[in-house]
Amino acid sequence: MPEEYSSFLKLFQYYRKQRETYLDEKRKADERPPILLHCSAGIGRTGTFCALDCILDSVEYQKKNGVKDPTINVFSVVKTLRDERPGMVQTKAQYKFVFDFLAWLLERHLLGMYTS
């Protein structure tokens, strides 16, 4: 896991920019090219990244729908990912990284602006 949250944020912002480029195109959902994300086994670091992506999507959705204080349930998101692919977010350090990165965003008031 990255030691610097700011470097992870830069990677995440780059990914989000690429994702938005594909989503903004006037194509049907089933015609959009997938974005491939993979680490060596495809469950540890990949799962960590996917968990954060799901959580931050949820925060964005809640804010767009008028929720003043969005809720975040890391356990539920990781469990859902593990139901789909066993082992996602493989280690305690990766699970902790999800919490620590979210806390880092909250402390800097960046939770709703992570794609800027």
PDB file of N, CA and C in Angstrom:
ATOM      1  N   MET A   1       0.843  -1.170   0.000  1.00  0.00           N
ATOM      2  CA  MET A   1       0.000   0.000   0.000  1.00  0.00           C
ATOM      3  C   MET A   1       0.889   1.234   0.000  1.00  0.00           C
ATOM      4  N   PRO A   2       0.444   2.279  -0.645  1.00  0.00           N
ATOM      5  CA  PRO A   2       1.257   3.504  -0.683  1.00  0.00           C
ATOM      6  C   PRO A   2       1.473   4.075   0.708  1.00  0.00           C
ATOM      7  N   GLU A   3       2.629   4.629   0.911  1.00  0.00           N
ATOM      8  CA  GLU A   3       2.909   5.278   2.193  1.00  0.00           C
ATOM      9  C   GLU A   3       2.413   6.717   2.201  1.00  0.00           C
ATOM     10  N   GLU A   4       2.251   7.294   1.052  1.00  0.00           N
ATOM     11  CA  GLU A   4       1.784   8.675   0.930  1.00  0.00           C
ATOM     12  C   GLU A   4       0.357   8.675   0.383  1.00  0.00           C
ATOM     13  N   TYR A   5      -0.573   9.173   1.167  1.00  0.00           N
ATOM     14  CA  TYR A   5      -1.961   9.225   0.704  1.00  0.00           C
ATOM     15  C   TYR A   5      -2.105  10.154  -0.496  1.00  0.00           C
ATOM     16  N   SER A   6      -1.293  11.198  -0.549  1.00  0.00           N
ATOM     17  CA  SER A   6      -1.402  12.134  -1.671  1.00  0.00           C
ATOM     18  C   SER A   6      -1.037  11.459  -2.991  1.00  0.00           C
ATOM     19  N   SER A   7      -0.087  10.533  -2.979  1.00  0.00           N
ATOM     20  CA  SER A   7       0.265   9.836  -4.226  1.00  0.00           C
ATOM     21  C   SER A   7      -0.867   8.897  -4.642  1.00  0.00           C
ATOM     22  N   PHE A   8      -1.514   8.253  -3.673  1.00  0.00           N
ATOM     23  CA  PHE A   8      -2.655   7.410  -4.000  1.00  0.00           C
ATOM     24  C   PHE A   8      -3.801   8.264  -4.539  1.00  0.00           C
ATOM     25  N   LEU A   9      -4.013   9.424  -3.945  1.00  0.00           N
ATOM     26  CA  LEU A   9      -5.064  10.324  -4.423  1.00  0.00           C
ATOM     27  C   LEU A   9      -4.812  10.723  -5.872  1.00  0.00           C
ATOM     28  N   LYS A  10      -3.566  10.999  -6.223  1.00  0.00           N
ATOM     29  CA  LYS A  10      -3.245  11.367  -7.617  1.00  0.00           C
ATOM     30  C   LYS A  10      -3.576  10.224  -8.573  1.00  0.00           C
ATOM     31  N   LEU A  11      -3.221   8.993  -8.189  1.00  0.00           N
ATOM     32  CA  LEU A  11      -3.555   7.834  -9.016  1.00  0.00           C
ATOM     33  C   LEU A  11      -5.070   7.697  -9.136  1.00  0.00           C
ATOM     34  N   PHE A  12      -5.757   7.860  -8.021  1.00  0.00           N
ATOM     35  CA  PHE A  12      -7.212   7.739  -8.023  1.00  0.00           C
ATOM     36  C   PHE A  12      -7.848   8.819  -8.885  1.00  0.00           C
ATOM     37  N   GLN A  13      -7.355  10.036  -8.806  1.00  0.00           N
ATOM     38  CA  GLN A  13      -7.888  11.126  -9.626  1.00  0.00           C
ATOM     39  C   GLN A  13      -7.666  10.839 -11.112  1.00  0.00           C
ATOM     40  N   TYR A  14      -6.510  10.293 -11.448  1.00  0.00           N
ATOM     41  CA  TYR A  14      -6.225   9.947 -12.846  1.00  0.00           C
ATOM     42  C   TYR A  14      -7.221   8.891 -13.336  1.00  0.00           C
ATOM     43  N   TYR A  15      -7.415   7.862 -12.512  1.00  0.00           N
ATOM     44  CA  TYR A  15      -8.382   6.816 -12.859  1.00  0.00           C
ATOM     45  C   TYR A  15      -9.774   7.409 -13.055  1.00  0.00           C
ATOM     46  N   ARG A  16     -10.205   8.261 -12.123  1.00  0.00           N
ATOM     47  CA  ARG A  16     -11.540   8.851 -12.221  1.00  0.00           C
ATOM     48  C   ARG A  16     -11.681   9.703 -13.483  1.00  0.00           C
ATOM     49  N   LYS A  17     -10.633  10.410 -13.846  1.00  0.00           N
ATOM     50  CA  LYS A  17     -10.676  11.222 -15.058  1.00  0.00           C
ATOM     51  C   LYS A  17     -10.860  10.323 -16.283  1.00  0.00           C
ATOM     52  N   GLN A  18     -10.124   9.216 -16.322  1.00  0.00           N
ATOM     53  CA  GLN A  18     -10.266   8.279 -17.436  1.00  0.00           C
ATOM     54  C   GLN A  18     -11.656   7.664 -17.455  1.00  0.00           C
ATOM     55  N   ARG A  19     -12.160   7.299 -16.294  1.00  0.00           N
ATOM     56  CA  ARG A  19     -13.488   6.704 -16.198  1.00  0.00           C
ATOM     57  C   ARG A  19     -14.557   7.680 -16.673  1.00  0.00           C
ATOM     58  N   GLU A  20     -14.440   8.913 -16.247  1.00  0.00           N
ATOM     59  CA  GLU A  20     -15.426   9.918 -16.662  1.00  0.00           C
ATOM     60  C   GLU A  20     -15.381  10.155 -18.161  1.00  0.00           C
ATOM     61  N   THR A  21     -14.207  10.071 -18.756  1.00  0.00           N
ATOM     62  CA  THR A  21     -14.093  10.218 -20.207  1.00  0.00           C
ATOM     63  C   THR A  21     -14.944   9.172 -20.900  1.00  0.00           C
ATOM     64  N   TYR A  22     -14.865   7.933 -20.433  1.00  0.00           N
ATOM     65  CA  TYR A  22     -15.666   6.867 -21.017  1.00  0.00           C
ATOM     66  C   TYR A  22     -17.142   7.034 -20.718  1.00  0.00           C
ATOM     67  N   LEU A  23     -17.476   7.468 -19.511  1.00  0.00           N
ATOM     68  CA  LEU A  23     -18.878   7.616 -19.137  1.00  0.00           C
ATOM     69  C   LEU A  23     -19.531   8.791 -19.843  1.00  0.00           C
ATOM     70  N   ASP A  24     -18.740   9.819 -20.162  1.00  0.00           N
ATOM     71  CA  ASP A  24     -19.288  10.990 -20.817  1.00  0.00           C
ATOM     72  C   ASP A  24     -19.588  10.762 -22.290  1.00  0.00           C
ATOM     73  N   GLU A  25     -18.963   9.760 -22.873  1.00  0.00           N
ATOM     74  CA  GLU A  25     -19.207   9.498 -24.278  1.00  0.00           C
ATOM     75  C   GLU A  25     -20.658   9.085 -24.473  1.00  0.00           C
ATOM     76  N   LYS A  26     -21.217   9.470 -25.574  1.00  0.00           N
ATOM     77  CA  LYS A  26     -22.628   9.198 -25.853  1.00  0.00           C
ATOM     78  C   LYS A  26     -22.803   7.784 -26.398  1.00  0.00           C
ATOM     79  N   ARG A  27     -22.452   6.818 -25.574  1.00  0.00           N
ATOM     80  CA  ARG A  27     -22.608   5.423 -25.960  1.00  0.00           C
ATOM     81  C   ARG A  27     -23.574   4.747 -25.007  1.00  0.00           C
ATOM     82  N   LYS A  28     -24.118   3.660 -25.458  1.00  0.00           N
ATOM     83  CA  LYS A  28     -24.931   2.842 -24.571  1.00  0.00           C
ATOM     84  C   LYS A  28     -24.005   2.203 -23.551  1.00  0.00           C
ATOM     85  N   ALA A  29     -24.526   1.942 -22.374  1.00  0.00           N
ATOM     86  CA  ALA A  29     -23.715   1.387 -21.293  1.00  0.00           C
ATOM     87  C   ALA A  29     -23.002   0.102 -21.707  1.00  0.00           C
ATOM     88  N   ASP A  30     -23.662  -0.744 -22.492  1.00  0.00           N
ATOM     89  CA  ASP A  30     -23.045  -2.020 -22.865  1.00  0.00           C
ATOM     90  C   ASP A  30     -21.995  -1.864 -23.970  1.00  0.00           C
ATOM     91  N   GLU A  31     -21.852  -0.677 -24.533  1.00  0.00           N
ATOM     92  CA  GLU A  31     -20.851  -0.433 -25.561  1.00  0.00           C
ATOM     93  C   GLU A  31     -19.599   0.253 -25.017  1.00  0.00           C
ATOM     94  N   ARG A  32     -19.636   0.654 -23.765  1.00  0.00           N
ATOM     95  CA  ARG A  32     -18.489   1.334 -23.180  1.00  0.00           C
ATOM     96  C   ARG A  32     -17.373   0.340 -22.911  1.00  0.00           C
ATOM     97  N   PRO A  33     -16.158   0.711 -23.239  1.00  0.00           N
ATOM     98  CA  PRO A  33     -15.050  -0.208 -22.952  1.00  0.00           C
ATOM     99  C   PRO A  33     -14.823  -0.313 -21.451  1.00  0.00           C
ATOM    100  N   PRO A  34     -14.504  -1.495 -20.958  1.00  0.00           N
ATOM    101  CA  PRO A  34     -14.243  -1.644 -19.523  1.00  0.00           C
ATOM    102  C   PRO A  34     -12.893  -1.039 -19.153  1.00  0.00           C
ATOM    103  N   ILE A  35     -12.757  -0.691 -17.898  1.00  0.00           N
ATOM    104  CA  ILE A  35     -11.472  -0.249 -17.375  1.00  0.00           C
ATOM    105  C   ILE A  35     -10.901  -1.427 -16.613  1.00  0.00           C
ATOM    106  N   LEU A  36      -9.696  -1.812 -16.955  1.00  0.00           N
ATOM    107  CA  LEU A  36      -9.066  -2.961 -16.340  1.00  0.00           C
ATOM    108  C   LEU A  36      -8.173  -2.508 -15.190  1.00  0.00           C
ATOM    109  N   LEU A  37      -8.354  -3.143 -14.049  1.00  0.00           N
ATOM    110  CA  LEU A  37      -7.546  -2.860 -12.860  1.00  0.00           C
ATOM    111  C   LEU A  37      -7.116  -4.196 -12.305  1.00  0.00           C
ATOM    112  N   HIS A  38      -5.811  -4.395 -12.122  1.00  0.00           N
ATOM    113  CA  HIS A  38      -5.358  -5.698 -11.663  1.00  0.00           C
ATOM    114  C   HIS A  38      -3.996  -5.590 -11.002  1.00  0.00           C
ATOM    115  N   CYS A  39      -3.857  -6.242  -9.842  1.00  0.00           N
ATOM    116  CA  CYS A  39      -2.544  -6.418  -9.221  1.00  0.00           C
ATOM    117  C   CYS A  39      -2.119  -7.858  -9.507  1.00  0.00           C
ATOM    118  N   SER A  40      -1.146  -8.378  -8.811  1.00  0.00           N
ATOM    119  CA  SER A  40      -0.648  -9.715  -9.157  1.00  0.00           C
ATOM    120  C   SER A  40      -1.729 -10.799  -9.044  1.00  0.00           C
ATOM    121  N   ALA A  41      -2.441 -10.860  -7.936  1.00  0.00           N
ATOM    122  CA  ALA A  41      -3.487 -11.878  -7.772  1.00  0.00           C
ATOM    123  C   ALA A  41      -4.879 -11.330  -8.098  1.00  0.00           C
ATOM    124  N   GLY A  42      -5.009 -10.026  -8.147  1.00  0.00           N
ATOM    125  CA  GLY A  42      -6.294  -9.415  -8.473  1.00  0.00           C
ATOM    126  C   GLY A  42      -7.277  -9.344  -7.317  1.00  0.00           C
ATOM    127  N   ILE A  43      -6.786  -9.478  -6.089  1.00  0.00           N
ATOM    128  CA  ILE A  43      -7.708  -9.424  -4.954  1.00  0.00           C
ATOM    129  C   ILE A  43      -7.266  -8.472  -3.838  1.00  0.00           C
ATOM    130  N   GLY A  44      -5.998  -8.332  -3.604  1.00  0.00           N
ATOM    131  CA  GLY A  44      -5.518  -7.516  -2.485  1.00  0.00           C
ATOM    132  C   GLY A  44      -5.552  -6.032  -2.782  1.00  0.00           C
ATOM    133  N   ARG A  45      -4.558  -5.570  -3.511  1.00  0.00           N
ATOM    134  CA  ARG A  45      -4.507  -4.137  -3.854  1.00  0.00           C
ATOM    135  C   ARG A  45      -5.652  -3.754  -4.771  1.00  0.00           C
ATOM    136  N   THR A  46      -6.012  -4.666  -5.673  1.00  0.00           N
ATOM    137  CA  THR A  46      -7.158  -4.415  -6.552  1.00  0.00           C
ATOM    138  C   THR A  46      -8.435  -4.264  -5.734  1.00  0.00           C
ATOM    139  N   GLY A  47      -8.630  -5.152  -4.768  1.00  0.00           N
ATOM    140  CA  GLY A  47      -9.810  -5.077  -3.907  1.00  0.00           C
ATOM    141  C   GLY A  47      -9.847  -3.794  -3.103  1.00  0.00           C
ATOM    142  N   THR A  48      -8.678  -3.370  -2.626  1.00  0.00           N
ATOM    143  CA  THR A  48      -8.586  -2.127  -1.860  1.00  0.00           C
ATOM    144  C   THR A  48      -9.005  -0.943  -2.723  1.00  0.00           C
ATOM    145  N   PHE A  49      -8.492  -0.899  -3.932  1.00  0.00           N
ATOM    146  CA  PHE A  49      -8.836   0.177  -4.862  1.00  0.00           C
ATOM    147  C   PHE A  49     -10.330   0.147  -5.180  1.00  0.00           C
ATOM    148  N   CYS A  50     -10.853  -1.050  -5.464  1.00  0.00           N
ATOM    149  CA  CYS A  50     -12.282  -1.180  -5.788  1.00  0.00           C
ATOM    150  C   CYS A  50     -13.168  -0.785  -4.611  1.00  0.00           C
ATOM    151  N   ALA A  51     -12.756  -1.157  -3.399  1.00  0.00           N
ATOM    152  CA  ALA A  51     -13.542  -0.783  -2.212  1.00  0.00           C
ATOM    153  C   ALA A  51     -13.629   0.731  -2.095  1.00  0.00           C
ATOM    154  N   LEU A  52     -12.497   1.404  -2.247  1.00  0.00           N
ATOM    155  CA  LEU A  52     -12.513   2.868  -2.164  1.00  0.00           C
ATOM    156  C   LEU A  52     -13.338   3.475  -3.291  1.00  0.00           C
ATOM    157  N   ASP A  53     -13.247   2.914  -4.471  1.00  0.00           N
ATOM    158  CA  ASP A  53     -14.032   3.414  -5.595  1.00  0.00           C
ATOM    159  C   ASP A  53     -15.525   3.278  -5.302  1.00  0.00           C
ATOM    160  N   CYS A  54     -15.947   2.136  -4.790  1.00  0.00           N
ATOM    161  CA  CYS A  54     -17.363   1.919  -4.447  1.00  0.00           C
ATOM    162  C   CYS A  54     -17.829   2.882  -3.356  1.00  0.00           C
ATOM    163  N   ILE A  55     -17.000   3.029  -2.333  1.00  0.00           N
ATOM    164  CA  ILE A  55     -17.372   3.905  -1.215  1.00  0.00           C
ATOM    165  C   ILE A  55     -17.495   5.347  -1.677  1.00  0.00           C
ATOM    166  N   LEU A  56     -16.528   5.804  -2.460  1.00  0.00           N
ATOM    167  CA  LEU A  56     -16.559   7.195  -2.912  1.00  0.00           C
ATOM    168  C   LEU A  56     -17.670   7.429  -3.925  1.00  0.00           C
ATOM    169  N   ASP A  57     -17.995   6.418  -4.730  1.00  0.00           N
ATOM    170  CA  ASP A  57     -19.177   6.518  -5.604  1.00  0.00           C
ATOM    171  C   ASP A  57     -20.438   6.679  -4.769  1.00  0.00           C
ATOM    172  N   SER A  58     -20.523   5.913  -3.682  1.00  0.00           N
ATOM    173  CA  SER A  58     -21.692   5.983  -2.805  1.00  0.00           C
ATOM    174  C   SER A  58     -21.822   7.366  -2.166  1.00  0.00           C
ATOM    175  N   VAL A  59     -20.711   7.914  -1.716  1.00  0.00           N
ATOM    176  CA  VAL A  59     -20.723   9.258  -1.122  1.00  0.00           C
ATOM    177  C   VAL A  59     -21.201  10.270  -2.158  1.00  0.00           C
ATOM    178  N   GLU A  60     -20.664  10.167  -3.372  1.00  0.00           N
ATOM    179  CA  GLU A  60     -21.049  11.090  -4.446  1.00  0.00           C
ATOM    180  C   GLU A  60     -22.544  10.960  -4.753  1.00  0.00           C
ATOM    181  N   TYR A  61     -23.043   9.737  -4.845  1.00  0.00           N
ATOM    182  CA  TYR A  61     -24.464   9.496  -5.115  1.00  0.00           C
ATOM    183  C   TYR A  61     -25.337  10.093  -4.007  1.00  0.00           C
ATOM    184  N   GLN A  62     -24.951   9.854  -2.765  1.00  0.00           N
ATOM    185  CA  GLN A  62     -25.728  10.381  -1.640  1.00  0.00           C
ATOM    186  C   GLN A  62     -25.757  11.909  -1.663  1.00  0.00           C
ATOM    187  N   LYS A  63     -24.627  12.530  -1.928  1.00  0.00           N
ATOM    188  CA  LYS A  63     -24.578  13.995  -1.966  1.00  0.00           C
ATOM    189  C   LYS A  63     -25.426  14.550  -3.100  1.00  0.00           C
ATOM    190  N   LYS A  64     -25.376  13.904  -4.266  1.00  0.00           N
ATOM    191  CA  LYS A  64     -26.185  14.354  -5.401  1.00  0.00           C
ATOM    192  C   LYS A  64     -27.676  14.231  -5.111  1.00  0.00           C
ATOM    193  N   ASN A  65     -28.024  13.350  -4.194  1.00  0.00           N
ATOM    194  CA  ASN A  65     -29.431  13.129  -3.854  1.00  0.00           C
ATOM    195  C   ASN A  65     -29.823  13.807  -2.551  1.00  0.00           C
ATOM    196  N   GLY A  66     -29.064  14.825  -2.162  1.00  0.00           N
ATOM    197  CA  GLY A  66     -29.454  15.676  -1.052  1.00  0.00           C
ATOM    198  C   GLY A  66     -29.120  15.185   0.339  1.00  0.00           C
ATOM    199  N   VAL A  67     -28.340  14.134   0.460  1.00  0.00           N
ATOM    200  CA  VAL A  67     -27.964  13.652   1.791  1.00  0.00           C
ATOM    201  C   VAL A  67     -26.856  14.552   2.326  1.00  0.00           C
ATOM    202  N   LYS A  68     -27.146  15.221   3.420  1.00  0.00           N
ATOM    203  CA  LYS A  68     -26.180  16.180   3.979  1.00  0.00           C
ATOM    204  C   LYS A  68     -24.946  15.486   4.537  1.00  0.00           C
ATOM    205  N   ASP A  69     -25.146  14.414   5.291  1.00  0.00           N
ATOM    206  CA  ASP A  69     -24.053  13.666   5.899  1.00  0.00           C
ATOM    207  C   ASP A  69     -24.095  12.226   5.400  1.00  0.00           C
ATOM    208  N   PRO A  70     -23.441  11.953   4.272  1.00  0.00           N
ATOM    209  CA  PRO A  70     -23.474  10.600   3.712  1.00  0.00           C
ATOM    210  C   PRO A  70     -22.916   9.558   4.687  1.00  0.00           C
ATOM    211  N   THR A  71     -23.459   8.360   4.605  1.00  0.00           N
ATOM    212  CA  THR A  71     -22.965   7.271   5.440  1.00  0.00           C
ATOM    213  C   THR A  71     -21.949   6.442   4.663  1.00  0.00           C
ATOM    214  N   ILE A  72     -21.000   5.909   5.401  1.00  0.00           N
ATOM    215  CA  ILE A  72     -19.956   5.070   4.826  1.00  0.00           C
ATOM    216  C   ILE A  72     -19.925   3.778   5.636  1.00  0.00           C
ATOM    217  N   ASN A  73     -20.021   2.637   4.953  1.00  0.00           N
ATOM    218  CA  ASN A  73     -19.970   1.349   5.627  1.00  0.00           C
ATOM    219  C   ASN A  73     -18.912   0.490   4.948  1.00  0.00           C
ATOM    220  N   VAL A  74     -17.683   0.600   5.433  1.00  0.00           N
ATOM    221  CA  VAL A  74     -16.556  -0.113   4.831  1.00  0.00           C
ATOM    222  C   VAL A  74     -16.784  -1.619   4.904  1.00  0.00           C
ATOM    223  N   PHE A  75     -17.208  -2.107   6.052  1.00  0.00           N
ATOM    224  CA  PHE A  75     -17.427  -3.539   6.219  1.00  0.00           C
ATOM    225  C   PHE A  75     -18.375  -4.080   5.157  1.00  0.00           C
ATOM    226  N   SER A  76     -19.498  -3.402   4.961  1.00  0.00           N
ATOM    227  CA  SER A  76     -20.504  -3.847   3.999  1.00  0.00           C
ATOM    228  C   SER A  76     -19.951  -3.872   2.572  1.00  0.00           C
ATOM    229  N   VAL A  77     -19.201  -2.840   2.212  1.00  0.00           N
ATOM    230  CA  VAL A  77     -18.628  -2.776   0.860  1.00  0.00           C
ATOM    231  C   VAL A  77     -17.637  -3.916   0.654  1.00  0.00           C
ATOM    232  N   VAL A  78     -16.750  -4.132   1.615  1.00  0.00           N
ATOM    233  CA  VAL A  78     -15.754  -5.199   1.488  1.00  0.00           C
ATOM    234  C   VAL A  78     -16.449  -6.566   1.451  1.00  0.00           C
ATOM    235  N   LYS A  79     -17.474  -6.750   2.270  1.00  0.00           N
ATOM    236  CA  LYS A  79     -18.209  -8.014   2.261  1.00  0.00           C
ATOM    237  C   LYS A  79     -18.850  -8.257   0.901  1.00  0.00           C
ATOM    238  N   THR A  80     -19.444  -7.230   0.327  1.00  0.00           N
ATOM    239  CA  THR A  80     -20.062  -7.360  -0.998  1.00  0.00           C
ATOM    240  C   THR A  80     -19.020  -7.730  -2.042  1.00  0.00           C
ATOM    241  N   LEU A  81     -17.865  -7.074  -1.999  1.00  0.00           N
ATOM    242  CA  LEU A  81     -16.790  -7.407  -2.939  1.00  0.00           C
ATOM    243  C   LEU A  81     -16.333  -8.848  -2.742  1.00  0.00           C
ATOM    244  N   ARG A  82     -16.207  -9.274  -1.491  1.00  0.00           N
ATOM    245  CA  ARG A  82     -15.766 -10.648  -1.200  1.00  0.00           C
ATOM    246  C   ARG A  82     -16.820 -11.681  -1.608  1.00  0.00           C
ATOM    247  N   ASP A  83     -18.089 -11.296  -1.570  1.00  0.00           N
ATOM    248  CA  ASP A  83     -19.134 -12.208  -2.044  1.00  0.00           C
ATOM    249  C   ASP A  83     -18.983 -12.457  -3.536  1.00  0.00           C
ATOM    250  N   GLU A  84     -18.539 -11.431  -4.262  1.00  0.00           N
ATOM    251  CA  GLU A  84     -18.340 -11.543  -5.705  1.00  0.00           C
ATOM    252  C   GLU A  84     -17.004 -12.189  -6.063  1.00  0.00           C
ATOM    253  N   ARG A  85     -15.985 -11.883  -5.278  1.00  0.00           N
ATOM    254  CA  ARG A  85     -14.644 -12.436  -5.528  1.00  0.00           C
ATOM    255  C   ARG A  85     -13.953 -12.637  -4.177  1.00  0.00           C
ATOM    256  N   PRO A  86     -13.901 -13.865  -3.708  1.00  0.00           N
ATOM    257  CA  PRO A  86     -13.302 -14.138  -2.398  1.00  0.00           C
ATOM    258  C   PRO A  86     -11.871 -13.593  -2.289  1.00  0.00           C
ATOM    259  N   GLY A  87     -11.571 -13.028  -1.129  1.00  0.00           N
ATOM    260  CA  GLY A  87     -10.225 -12.525  -0.863  1.00  0.00           C
ATOM    261  C   GLY A  87     -10.012 -11.050  -1.140  1.00  0.00           C
ATOM    262  N   MET A  88     -11.028 -10.399  -1.704  1.00  0.00           N
ATOM    263  CA  MET A  88     -10.853  -8.964  -1.987  1.00  0.00           C
ATOM    264  C   MET A  88     -10.496  -8.235  -0.688  1.00  0.00           C
ATOM    265  N   VAL A  89      -9.577  -7.282  -0.790  1.00  0.00           N
ATOM    266  CA  VAL A  89      -8.990  -6.598   0.366  1.00  0.00           C
ATOM    267  C   VAL A  89      -8.409  -7.701   1.260  1.00  0.00           C
ATOM    268  N   GLN A  90      -7.263  -8.180   0.841  1.00  0.00           N
ATOM    269  CA  GLN A  90      -6.693  -9.426   1.335  1.00  0.00           C
ATOM    270  C   GLN A  90      -6.100  -9.363   2.740  1.00  0.00           C
ATOM    271  N   THR A  91      -5.467  -8.255   3.104  1.00  0.00           N
ATOM    272  CA  THR A  91      -4.752  -8.195   4.381  1.00  0.00           C
ATOM    273  C   THR A  91      -5.354  -7.162   5.319  1.00  0.00           C
ATOM    274  N   LYS A  92      -4.990  -7.274   6.577  1.00  0.00           N
ATOM    275  CA  LYS A  92      -5.422  -6.297   7.579  1.00  0.00           C
ATOM    276  C   LYS A  92      -4.891  -4.905   7.214  1.00  0.00           C
ATOM    277  N   ALA A  93      -3.664  -4.846   6.701  1.00  0.00           N
ATOM    278  CA  ALA A  93      -3.074  -3.561   6.311  1.00  0.00           C
ATOM    279  C   ALA A  93      -3.872  -2.907   5.184  1.00  0.00           C
ATOM    280  N   GLN A  94      -4.361  -3.701   4.250  1.00  0.00           N
ATOM    281  CA  GLN A  94      -5.164  -3.155   3.154  1.00  0.00           C
ATOM    282  C   GLN A  94      -6.518  -2.664   3.664  1.00  0.00           C
ATOM    283  N   TYR A  95      -7.124  -3.444   4.557  1.00  0.00           N
ATOM    284  CA  TYR A  95      -8.405  -3.040   5.153  1.00  0.00           C
ATOM    285  C   TYR A  95      -8.229  -1.737   5.935  1.00  0.00           C
ATOM    286  N   LYS A  96      -7.145  -1.656   6.692  1.00  0.00           N
ATOM    287  CA  LYS A  96      -6.841  -0.443   7.456  1.00  0.00           C
ATOM    288  C   LYS A  96      -6.583   0.739   6.522  1.00  0.00           C
ATOM    289  N   PHE A  97      -5.935   0.488   5.379  1.00  0.00           N
ATOM    290  CA  PHE A  97      -5.667   1.553   4.424  1.00  0.00           C
ATOM    291  C   PHE A  97      -6.967   2.202   3.959  1.00  0.00           C
ATOM    292  N   VAL A  98      -7.998   1.396   3.736  1.00  0.00           N
ATOM    293  CA  VAL A  98      -9.295   1.951   3.309  1.00  0.00           C
ATOM    294  C   VAL A  98      -9.786   2.964   4.341  1.00  0.00           C
ATOM    295  N   PHE A  99      -9.776   2.572   5.613  1.00  0.00           N
ATOM    296  CA  PHE A  99     -10.212   3.473   6.681  1.00  0.00           C
ATOM    297  C   PHE A  99      -9.308   4.699   6.782  1.00  0.00           C
ATOM    298  N   ASP A 100      -8.009   4.467   6.759  1.00  0.00           N
ATOM    299  CA  ASP A 100      -7.057   5.569   6.926  1.00  0.00           C
ATOM    300  C   ASP A 100      -7.122   6.568   5.775  1.00  0.00           C
ATOM    301  N   PHE A 101      -7.296   6.071   4.555  1.00  0.00           N
ATOM    302  CA  PHE A 101      -7.395   6.976   3.408  1.00  0.00           C
ATOM    303  C   PHE A 101      -8.669   7.809   3.488  1.00  0.00           C
ATOM    304  N   LEU A 102      -9.776   7.170   3.863  1.00  0.00           N
ATOM    305  CA  LEU A 102     -11.028   7.922   4.027  1.00  0.00           C
ATOM    306  C   LEU A 102     -10.903   8.967   5.125  1.00  0.00           C
ATOM    307  N   ALA A 103     -10.259   8.609   6.228  1.00  0.00           N
ATOM    308  CA  ALA A 103     -10.034   9.575   7.319  1.00  0.00           C
ATOM    309  C   ALA A 103      -9.170  10.729   6.834  1.00  0.00           C
ATOM    310  N   TRP A 104      -8.148  10.412   6.052  1.00  0.00           N
ATOM    311  CA  TRP A 104      -7.249  11.440   5.497  1.00  0.00           C
ATOM    312  C   TRP A 104      -8.046  12.407   4.618  1.00  0.00           C
ATOM    313  N   LEU A 105      -8.943  11.862   3.780  1.00  0.00           N
ATOM    314  CA  LEU A 105      -9.791  12.729   2.950  1.00  0.00           C
ATOM    315  C   LEU A 105     -10.702  13.601   3.811  1.00  0.00           C
ATOM    316  N   LEU A 106     -11.312  13.003   4.825  1.00  0.00           N
ATOM    317  CA  LEU A 106     -12.212  13.755   5.708  1.00  0.00           C
ATOM    318  C   LEU A 106     -11.482  14.879   6.428  1.00  0.00           C
ATOM    319  N   GLU A 107     -10.292  14.592   6.931  1.00  0.00           N
ATOM    320  CA  GLU A 107      -9.518  15.610   7.648  1.00  0.00           C
ATOM    321  C   GLU A 107      -9.190  16.806   6.767  1.00  0.00           C
ATOM    322  N   ARG A 108      -9.057  16.566   5.494  1.00  0.00           N
ATOM    323  CA  ARG A 108      -8.704  17.634   4.556  1.00  0.00           C
ATOM    324  C   ARG A 108      -9.917  18.178   3.809  1.00  0.00           C
ATOM    325  N   HIS A 109     -11.097  17.753   4.238  1.00  0.00           N
ATOM    326  CA  HIS A 109     -12.352  18.189   3.609  1.00  0.00           C
ATOM    327  C   HIS A 109     -12.354  17.878   2.110  1.00  0.00           C
ATOM    328  N   LEU A 110     -11.780  16.734   1.748  1.00  0.00           N
ATOM    329  CA  LEU A 110     -11.676  16.364   0.345  1.00  0.00           C
ATOM    330  C   LEU A 110     -12.647  15.254  -0.055  1.00  0.00           C
ATOM    331  N   LEU A 111     -13.433  14.773   0.892  1.00  0.00           N
ATOM    332  CA  LEU A 111     -14.269  13.606   0.596  1.00  0.00           C
ATOM    333  C   LEU A 111     -15.169  13.817  -0.604  1.00  0.00           C
ATOM    334  N   GLY A 112     -15.715  14.985  -0.751  1.00  0.00           N
ATOM    335  CA  GLY A 112     -16.580  15.245  -1.906  1.00  0.00           C
ATOM    336  C   GLY A 112     -15.860  15.830  -3.100  1.00  0.00           C
ATOM    337  N   MET A 113     -14.546  15.988  -2.988  1.00  0.00           N
ATOM    338  CA  MET A 113     -13.792  16.643  -4.070  1.00  0.00           C
ATOM    339  C   MET A 113     -12.616  15.807  -4.545  1.00  0.00           C
ATOM    340  N   TYR A 114     -12.665  14.509  -4.363  1.00  0.00           N
ATOM    341  CA  TYR A 114     -11.531  13.657  -4.664  1.00  0.00           C
ATOM    342  C   TYR A 114     -11.256  13.548  -6.154  1.00  0.00           C
ATOM    343  N   THR A 115     -12.184  13.943  -7.001  1.00  0.00           N
ATOM    344  CA  THR A 115     -11.935  13.861  -8.436  1.00  0.00           C
ATOM    345  C   THR A 115     -11.430  15.166  -9.014  1.00  0.00           C
ATOM    346  N   SER A 116     -11.322  16.189  -8.201  1.00  0.00           N
ATOM    347  CA  SER A 116     -10.886  17.507  -8.702  1.00  0.00           C
ATOM    348  C   SER A 116      -9.440  17.498  -9.113  1.00  0.00           C
TER     349      SER A 116
END
